[in-house]
C-alpha cells in the first residue's frame, strides 16, 4: 500500500484563491475581536501575528488593510 504524499511547498507565492481564503480567515478573527468587549493582551498579540503572517507571505496590501482595525481594537483595550 503506497502512502500518498501531499505536494511540497516550494515557494511562498500565494495564489489569488489562497490569498482570498487567508484574508477571509483573518477577517473572521478581527470581526470576533471587534465584537468582543475588552480583549486580553494575548489576543491582541495574536492579531499582530496574523498581520505579520500576511507580510511574510508578501501580502503587504492585505496586511496594511488590517492595521487601522488593529489600532481601533488597541484603543478600546486601553
PDB file of N, CA and C in Angstrom:
ATOM      1  N   UNK A   1       0.840  -1.170   0.000  1.00  0.00           N
ATOM      2  CA  UNK A   1       0.000   0.000   0.000  1.00  0.00           C
ATOM      3  C   UNK A   1       0.892   1.242   0.000  1.00  0.00           C
ATOM      4  N   UNK A   2       0.782   2.064  -1.002  1.00  0.00           N
ATOM      5  CA  UNK A   2       1.604   3.264  -1.113  1.00  0.00           C
ATOM      6  C   UNK A   2       1.016   4.401  -0.289  1.00  0.00           C
ATOM      7  N   UNK A   3       1.895   5.113   0.347  1.00  0.00           N
ATOM      8  CA  UNK A   3       1.464   6.263   1.126  1.00  0.00           C
ATOM      9  C   UNK A   3       1.389   7.463   0.199  1.00  0.00           C
ATOM     10  N   UNK A   4       0.259   8.122   0.219  1.00  0.00           N
ATOM     11  CA  UNK A   4       0.075   9.297  -0.626  1.00  0.00           C
ATOM     12  C   UNK A   4       0.839  10.475  -0.036  1.00  0.00           C
ATOM     13  N   UNK A   5       1.653  11.105  -0.865  1.00  0.00           N
ATOM     14  CA  UNK A   5       2.408  12.261  -0.413  1.00  0.00           C
ATOM     15  C   UNK A   5       1.681  13.533  -0.813  1.00  0.00           C
ATOM     16  N   UNK A   6       1.601  14.472   0.113  1.00  0.00           N
ATOM     17  CA  UNK A   6       0.995  15.747  -0.223  1.00  0.00           C
ATOM     18  C   UNK A   6       2.038  16.590  -0.951  1.00  0.00           C
ATOM     19  N   UNK A   7       1.575  17.497  -1.809  1.00  0.00           N
ATOM     20  CA  UNK A   7       2.530  18.335  -2.540  1.00  0.00           C
ATOM     21  C   UNK A   7       3.378  19.158  -1.581  1.00  0.00           C
ATOM     22  N   UNK A   8       4.621  19.319  -1.941  1.00  0.00           N
ATOM     23  CA  UNK A   8       5.541  20.068  -1.101  1.00  0.00           C
ATOM     24  C   UNK A   8       5.497  21.547  -1.463  1.00  0.00           C
ATOM     25  N   UNK A   9       5.628  22.392  -0.456  1.00  0.00           N
ATOM     26  CA  UNK A   9       5.650  23.831  -0.666  1.00  0.00           C
ATOM     27  C   UNK A   9       7.042  24.218  -1.153  1.00  0.00           C
ATOM     28  N   UNK A  10       7.114  24.762  -2.352  1.00  0.00           N
ATOM     29  CA  UNK A  10       8.391  25.102  -2.956  1.00  0.00           C
ATOM     30  C   UNK A  10       8.675  26.594  -2.815  1.00  0.00           C
ATOM     31  N   UNK A  11       7.658  27.391  -2.683  1.00  0.00           N
ATOM     32  CA  UNK A  11       7.816  28.838  -2.655  1.00  0.00           C
ATOM     33  C   UNK A  11       6.790  29.457  -1.717  1.00  0.00           C
ATOM     34  N   UNK A  12       6.982  30.726  -1.404  1.00  0.00           N
ATOM     35  CA  UNK A  12       5.991  31.389  -0.576  1.00  0.00           C
ATOM     36  C   UNK A  12       4.965  32.143  -1.419  1.00  0.00           C
ATOM     37  N   UNK A  13       4.958  31.905  -2.722  1.00  0.00           N
ATOM     38  CA  UNK A  13       3.982  32.561  -3.579  1.00  0.00           C
ATOM     39  C   UNK A  13       2.585  32.065  -3.251  1.00  0.00           C
ATOM     40  N   UNK A  14       1.674  32.994  -3.209  1.00  0.00           N
ATOM     41  CA  UNK A  14       0.295  32.707  -2.849  1.00  0.00           C
ATOM     42  C   UNK A  14      -0.584  32.960  -4.070  1.00  0.00           C
ATOM     43  N   UNK A  15      -1.455  31.999  -4.364  1.00  0.00           N
ATOM     44  CA  UNK A  15      -2.389  32.197  -5.470  1.00  0.00           C
ATOM     45  C   UNK A  15      -3.500  33.146  -5.016  1.00  0.00           C
ATOM     46  N   UNK A  16      -4.240  33.677  -5.961  1.00  0.00           N
ATOM     47  CA  UNK A  16      -5.335  34.595  -5.638  1.00  0.00           C
ATOM     48  C   UNK A  16      -6.373  33.909  -4.748  1.00  0.00           C
ATOM     49  N   UNK A  17      -6.656  32.648  -5.027  1.00  0.00           N
ATOM     50  CA  UNK A  17      -7.619  31.903  -4.214  1.00  0.00           C
ATOM     51  C   UNK A  17      -7.131  31.688  -2.794  1.00  0.00           C
ATOM     52  N   UNK A  18      -5.840  31.402  -2.652  1.00  0.00           N
ATOM     53  CA  UNK A  18      -5.265  31.218  -1.321  1.00  0.00           C
ATOM     54  C   UNK A  18      -5.267  32.530  -0.546  1.00  0.00           C
ATOM     55  N   UNK A  19      -4.952  33.622  -1.243  1.00  0.00           N
ATOM     56  CA  UNK A  19      -4.948  34.936  -0.590  1.00  0.00           C
ATOM     57  C   UNK A  19      -6.353  35.272  -0.095  1.00  0.00           C
ATOM     58  N   UNK A  20      -7.338  35.038  -0.929  1.00  0.00           N
ATOM     59  CA  UNK A  20      -8.724  35.336  -0.547  1.00  0.00           C
ATOM     60  C   UNK A  20      -9.114  34.516   0.675  1.00  0.00           C
ATOM     61  N   UNK A  21      -8.781  33.235   0.675  1.00  0.00           N
ATOM     62  CA  UNK A  21      -9.111  32.369   1.800  1.00  0.00           C
ATOM     63  C   UNK A  21      -8.437  32.861   3.075  1.00  0.00           C
ATOM     64  N   UNK A  22      -7.166  33.184   2.979  1.00  0.00           N
ATOM     65  CA  UNK A  22      -6.403  33.628   4.139  1.00  0.00           C
ATOM     66  C   UNK A  22      -6.943  34.945   4.689  1.00  0.00           C
ATOM     67  N   UNK A  23      -7.222  35.892   3.816  1.00  0.00           N
ATOM     68  CA  UNK A  23      -7.750  37.184   4.247  1.00  0.00           C
ATOM     69  C   UNK A  23      -9.124  37.003   4.896  1.00  0.00           C
ATOM     70  N   UNK A  24      -9.943  36.110   4.359  1.00  0.00           N
ATOM     71  CA  UNK A  24     -11.255  35.852   4.965  1.00  0.00           C
ATOM     72  C   UNK A  24     -11.107  35.263   6.364  1.00  0.00           C
ATOM     73  N   UNK A  25     -10.154  34.366   6.538  1.00  0.00           N
ATOM     74  CA  UNK A  25      -9.922  33.774   7.860  1.00  0.00           C
ATOM     75  C   UNK A  25      -9.454  34.826   8.852  1.00  0.00           C
ATOM     76  N   UNK A  26      -8.527  35.676   8.450  1.00  0.00           N
ATOM     77  CA  UNK A  26      -8.023  36.725   9.337  1.00  0.00           C
ATOM     78  C   UNK A  26      -9.124  37.733   9.618  1.00  0.00           C
ATOM     79  N   UNK A  27      -9.921  38.043   8.620  1.00  0.00           N
ATOM     80  CA  UNK A  27     -11.056  38.943   8.812  1.00  0.00           C
ATOM     81  C   UNK A  27     -12.010  38.392   9.866  1.00  0.00           C
ATOM     82  N   UNK A  28     -12.216  37.087   9.878  1.00  0.00           N
ATOM     83  CA  UNK A  28     -13.066  36.452  10.886  1.00  0.00           C
ATOM     84  C   UNK A  28     -12.526  36.734  12.290  1.00  0.00           C
ATOM     85  N   UNK A  29     -11.219  36.568  12.489  1.00  0.00           N
ATOM     86  CA  UNK A  29     -10.617  36.831  13.802  1.00  0.00           C
ATOM     87  C   UNK A  29     -10.777  38.299  14.194  1.00  0.00           C
ATOM     88  N   UNK A  30     -10.605  39.197  13.231  1.00  0.00           N
ATOM     89  CA  UNK A  30     -10.782  40.613  13.526  1.00  0.00           C
ATOM     90  C   UNK A  30     -12.240  40.928  13.864  1.00  0.00           C
ATOM     91  N   UNK A  31     -13.172  40.332  13.137  1.00  0.00           N
ATOM     92  CA  UNK A  31     -14.586  40.546  13.446  1.00  0.00           C
ATOM     93  C   UNK A  31     -14.903  40.090  14.864  1.00  0.00           C
ATOM     94  N   UNK A  32     -14.367  38.937  15.247  1.00  0.00           N
ATOM     95  CA  UNK A  32     -14.591  38.430  16.605  1.00  0.00           C
ATOM     96  C   UNK A  32     -14.033  39.397  17.637  1.00  0.00           C
ATOM     97  N   UNK A  33     -12.854  39.920  17.389  1.00  0.00           N
ATOM     98  CA  UNK A  33     -12.209  40.854  18.315  1.00  0.00           C
ATOM     99  C   UNK A  33     -13.002  42.151  18.408  1.00  0.00           C
ATOM    100  N   UNK A  34     -13.505  42.619  17.274  1.00  0.00           N
ATOM    101  CA  UNK A  34     -14.261  43.869  17.256  1.00  0.00           C
ATOM    102  C   UNK A  34     -15.593  43.738  17.980  1.00  0.00           C
ATOM    103  N   UNK A  35     -16.171  42.559  17.977  1.00  0.00           N
ATOM    104  CA  UNK A  35     -17.449  42.334  18.645  1.00  0.00           C
ATOM    105  C   UNK A  35     -17.292  42.049  20.134  1.00  0.00           C
ATOM    106  N   UNK A  36     -16.105  41.648  20.526  1.00  0.00           N
ATOM    107  CA  UNK A  36     -15.851  41.336  21.932  1.00  0.00           C
ATOM    108  C   UNK A  36     -15.778  42.634  22.727  1.00  0.00           C
ATOM    109  N   UNK A  37     -15.932  42.500  24.003  1.00  0.00           N
ATOM    110  CA  UNK A  37     -15.789  43.659  24.874  1.00  0.00           C
ATOM    111  C   UNK A  37     -14.328  44.067  24.936  1.00  0.00           C
ATOM    112  N   UNK A  38     -13.701  43.770  26.033  1.00  0.00           N
ATOM    113  CA  UNK A  38     -12.286  44.067  26.214  1.00  0.00           C
ATOM    114  C   UNK A  38     -11.486  42.812  25.914  1.00  0.00           C
ATOM    115  N   UNK A  39     -10.401  42.975  25.189  1.00  0.00           N
ATOM    116  CA  UNK A  39      -9.559  41.837  24.839  1.00  0.00           C
ATOM    117  C   UNK A  39      -8.328  41.787  25.730  1.00  0.00           C
ATOM    118  N   UNK A  40      -7.933  40.583  26.133  1.00  0.00           N
ATOM    119  CA  UNK A  40      -6.657  40.466  26.846  1.00  0.00           C
ATOM    120  C   UNK A  40      -5.500  40.716  25.876  1.00  0.00           C
ATOM    121  N   UNK A  41      -4.360  41.070  26.418  1.00  0.00           N
ATOM    122  CA  UNK A  41      -3.216  41.422  25.571  1.00  0.00           C
ATOM    123  C   UNK A  41      -2.785  40.272  24.675  1.00  0.00           C
ATOM    124  N   UNK A  42      -2.952  39.025  25.117  1.00  0.00           N
ATOM    125  CA  UNK A  42      -2.519  37.902  24.279  1.00  0.00           C
ATOM    126  C   UNK A  42      -3.363  37.801  23.010  1.00  0.00           C
ATOM    127  N   UNK A  43      -4.630  38.197  23.066  1.00  0.00           N
ATOM    128  CA  UNK A  43      -5.449  38.152  21.857  1.00  0.00           C
ATOM    129  C   UNK A  43      -5.035  39.258  20.886  1.00  0.00           C
ATOM    130  N   UNK A  44      -4.671  40.404  21.403  1.00  0.00           N
ATOM    131  CA  UNK A  44      -4.176  41.473  20.540  1.00  0.00           C
ATOM    132  C   UNK A  44      -2.855  41.033  19.909  1.00  0.00           C
ATOM    133  N   UNK A  45      -2.019  40.361  20.687  1.00  0.00           N
ATOM    134  CA  UNK A  45      -0.765  39.826  20.144  1.00  0.00           C
ATOM    135  C   UNK A  45      -1.031  38.857  18.995  1.00  0.00           C
ATOM    136  N   UNK A  46      -2.067  38.045  19.135  1.00  0.00           N
ATOM    137  CA  UNK A  46      -2.407  37.101  18.059  1.00  0.00           C
ATOM    138  C   UNK A  46      -2.788  37.837  16.778  1.00  0.00           C
ATOM    139  N   UNK A  47      -3.486  38.956  16.914  1.00  0.00           N
ATOM    140  CA  UNK A  47      -3.843  39.736  15.731  1.00  0.00           C
ATOM    141  C   UNK A  47      -2.596  40.294  15.058  1.00  0.00           C
ATOM    142  N   UNK A  48      -1.629  40.717  15.864  1.00  0.00           N
ATOM    143  CA  UNK A  48      -0.343  41.168  15.306  1.00  0.00           C
ATOM    144  C   UNK A  48       0.335  40.033  14.534  1.00  0.00           C
ATOM    145  N   UNK A  49       0.288  38.841  15.087  1.00  0.00           N
ATOM    146  CA  UNK A  49       0.913  37.687  14.431  1.00  0.00           C
ATOM    147  C   UNK A  49       0.240  37.409  13.086  1.00  0.00           C
ATOM    148  N   UNK A  50      -1.078  37.503  13.052  1.00  0.00           N
ATOM    149  CA  UNK A  50      -1.793  37.273  11.799  1.00  0.00           C
ATOM    150  C   UNK A  50      -1.401  38.306  10.744  1.00  0.00           C
ATOM    151  N   UNK A  51      -1.282  39.559  11.145  1.00  0.00           N
ATOM    152  CA  UNK A  51      -0.847  40.602  10.209  1.00  0.00           C
ATOM    153  C   UNK A  51       0.587  40.328   9.764  1.00  0.00           C
ATOM    154  N   UNK A  52       1.434  39.915  10.704  1.00  0.00           N
ATOM    155  CA  UNK A  52       2.814  39.581  10.369  1.00  0.00           C
ATOM    156  C   UNK A  52       2.900  38.446   9.369  1.00  0.00           C
ATOM    157  N   UNK A  53       2.013  37.463   9.507  1.00  0.00           N
ATOM    158  CA  UNK A  53       2.000  36.334   8.564  1.00  0.00           C
ATOM    159  C   UNK A  53       1.690  36.821   7.157  1.00  0.00           C
ATOM    160  N   UNK A  54       0.758  37.758   7.055  1.00  0.00           N
ATOM    161  CA  UNK A  54       0.457  38.314   5.734  1.00  0.00           C
ATOM    162  C   UNK A  54       1.687  38.979   5.131  1.00  0.00           C
ATOM    163  N   UNK A  55       2.428  39.713   5.948  1.00  0.00           N
ATOM    164  CA  UNK A  55       3.636  40.388   5.461  1.00  0.00           C
ATOM    165  C   UNK A  55       4.688  39.376   5.021  1.00  0.00           C
ATOM    166  N   UNK A  56       4.892  38.337   5.820  1.00  0.00           N
ATOM    167  CA  UNK A  56       5.884  37.312   5.484  1.00  0.00           C
ATOM    168  C   UNK A  56       5.536  36.649   4.154  1.00  0.00           C
ATOM    169  N   UNK A  57       4.249  36.491   3.905  1.00  0.00           N
ATOM    170  CA  UNK A  57       3.817  35.850   2.665  1.00  0.00           C
ATOM    171  C   UNK A  57       3.773  36.821   1.483  1.00  0.00           C
ATOM    172  N   UNK A  58       4.179  38.057   1.721  1.00  0.00           N
ATOM    173  CA  UNK A  58       4.239  39.026   0.631  1.00  0.00           C
ATOM    174  C   UNK A  58       2.923  39.712   0.340  1.00  0.00           C
ATOM    175  N   UNK A  59       1.983  39.628   1.254  1.00  0.00           N
ATOM    176  CA  UNK A  59       0.670  40.236   1.063  1.00  0.00           C
ATOM    177  C   UNK A  59       0.602  41.543   1.850  1.00  0.00           C
ATOM    178  N   UNK A  60       1.501  42.457   1.502  1.00  0.00           N
ATOM    179  CA  UNK A  60       1.621  43.712   2.238  1.00  0.00           C
ATOM    180  C   UNK A  60       0.351  44.549   2.189  1.00  0.00           C
ATOM    181  N   UNK A  61      -0.312  44.569   1.062  1.00  0.00           N
ATOM    182  CA  UNK A  61      -1.546  45.348   0.942  1.00  0.00           C
ATOM    183  C   UNK A  61      -2.618  44.836   1.890  1.00  0.00           C
ATOM    184  N   UNK A  62      -2.752  43.532   1.956  1.00  0.00           N
ATOM    185  CA  UNK A  62      -3.728  42.940   2.872  1.00  0.00           C
ATOM    186  C   UNK A  62      -3.340  43.243   4.313  1.00  0.00           C
ATOM    187  N   UNK A  63      -2.050  43.139   4.622  1.00  0.00           N
ATOM    188  CA  UNK A  63      -1.589  43.430   5.980  1.00  0.00           C
ATOM    189  C   UNK A  63      -1.918  44.873   6.349  1.00  0.00           C
ATOM    190  N   UNK A  64      -1.637  45.808   5.437  1.00  0.00           N
ATOM    191  CA  UNK A  64      -1.912  47.221   5.703  1.00  0.00           C
ATOM    192  C   UNK A  64      -3.396  47.478   5.914  1.00  0.00           C
ATOM    193  N   UNK A  65      -4.239  46.715   5.228  1.00  0.00           N
ATOM    194  CA  UNK A  65      -5.685  46.937   5.352  1.00  0.00           C
ATOM    195  C   UNK A  65      -6.202  46.596   6.745  1.00  0.00           C
ATOM    196  N   UNK A  66      -5.489  45.736   7.477  1.00  0.00           N
ATOM    197  CA  UNK A  66      -5.924  45.366   8.820  1.00  0.00           C
ATOM    198  C   UNK A  66      -5.377  46.293   9.904  1.00  0.00           C
ATOM    199  N   UNK A  67      -4.364  47.089   9.590  1.00  0.00           N
ATOM    200  CA  UNK A  67      -3.730  47.928  10.603  1.00  0.00           C
ATOM    201  C   UNK A  67      -4.670  48.948  11.255  1.00  0.00           C
ATOM    202  N   UNK A  68      -5.503  49.660  10.490  1.00  0.00           N
ATOM    203  CA  UNK A  68      -6.426  50.599  11.154  1.00  0.00           C
ATOM    204  C   UNK A  68      -7.394  49.890  12.107  1.00  0.00           C
ATOM    205  N   UNK A  69      -7.824  48.712  11.726  1.00  0.00           N
ATOM    206  CA  UNK A  69      -8.732  47.951  12.592  1.00  0.00           C
ATOM    207  C   UNK A  69      -8.022  47.536  13.874  1.00  0.00           C
ATOM    208  N   UNK A  70      -6.762  47.140  13.741  1.00  0.00           N
ATOM    209  CA  UNK A  70      -5.993  46.756  14.917  1.00  0.00           C
ATOM    210  C   UNK A  70      -5.791  47.956  15.835  1.00  0.00           C
ATOM    211  N   UNK A  71      -5.536  49.113  15.262  1.00  0.00           N
ATOM    212  CA  UNK A  71      -5.379  50.325  16.066  1.00  0.00           C
ATOM    213  C   UNK A  71      -6.643  50.624  16.869  1.00  0.00           C
ATOM    214  N   UNK A  72      -7.788  50.476  16.244  1.00  0.00           N
ATOM    215  CA  UNK A  72      -9.059  50.709  16.943  1.00  0.00           C
ATOM    216  C   UNK A  72      -9.275  49.694  18.064  1.00  0.00           C
ATOM    217  N   UNK A  73      -8.937  48.457  17.814  1.00  0.00           N
ATOM    218  CA  UNK A  73      -9.074  47.417  18.839  1.00  0.00           C
ATOM    219  C   UNK A  73      -8.148  47.724  20.018  1.00  0.00           C
ATOM    220  N   UNK A  74      -6.938  48.159  19.713  1.00  0.00           N
ATOM    221  CA  UNK A  74      -5.984  48.504  20.782  1.00  0.00           C
ATOM    222  C   UNK A  74      -6.466  49.682  21.615  1.00  0.00           C
ATOM    223  N   UNK A  75      -7.064  50.690  20.960  1.00  0.00           N
ATOM    224  CA  UNK A  75      -7.594  51.844  21.687  1.00  0.00           C
ATOM    225  C   UNK A  75      -8.674  51.408  22.680  1.00  0.00           C
ATOM    226  N   UNK A  76      -9.519  50.505  22.239  1.00  0.00           N
ATOM    227  CA  UNK A  76     -10.575  50.008  23.119  1.00  0.00           C
ATOM    228  C   UNK A  76     -10.020  49.244  24.297  1.00  0.00           C
ATOM    229  N   UNK A  77      -8.933  48.534  24.059  1.00  0.00           N
ATOM    230  CA  UNK A  77      -8.333  47.711  25.116  1.00  0.00           C
ATOM    231  C   UNK A  77      -7.690  48.576  26.188  1.00  0.00           C
ATOM    232  N   UNK A  78      -7.295  49.767  25.799  1.00  0.00           N
ATOM    233  CA  UNK A  78      -6.714  50.699  26.771  1.00  0.00           C
ATOM    234  C   UNK A  78      -5.320  50.426  27.019  1.00  0.00           C
TER     235      UNK A  78
END
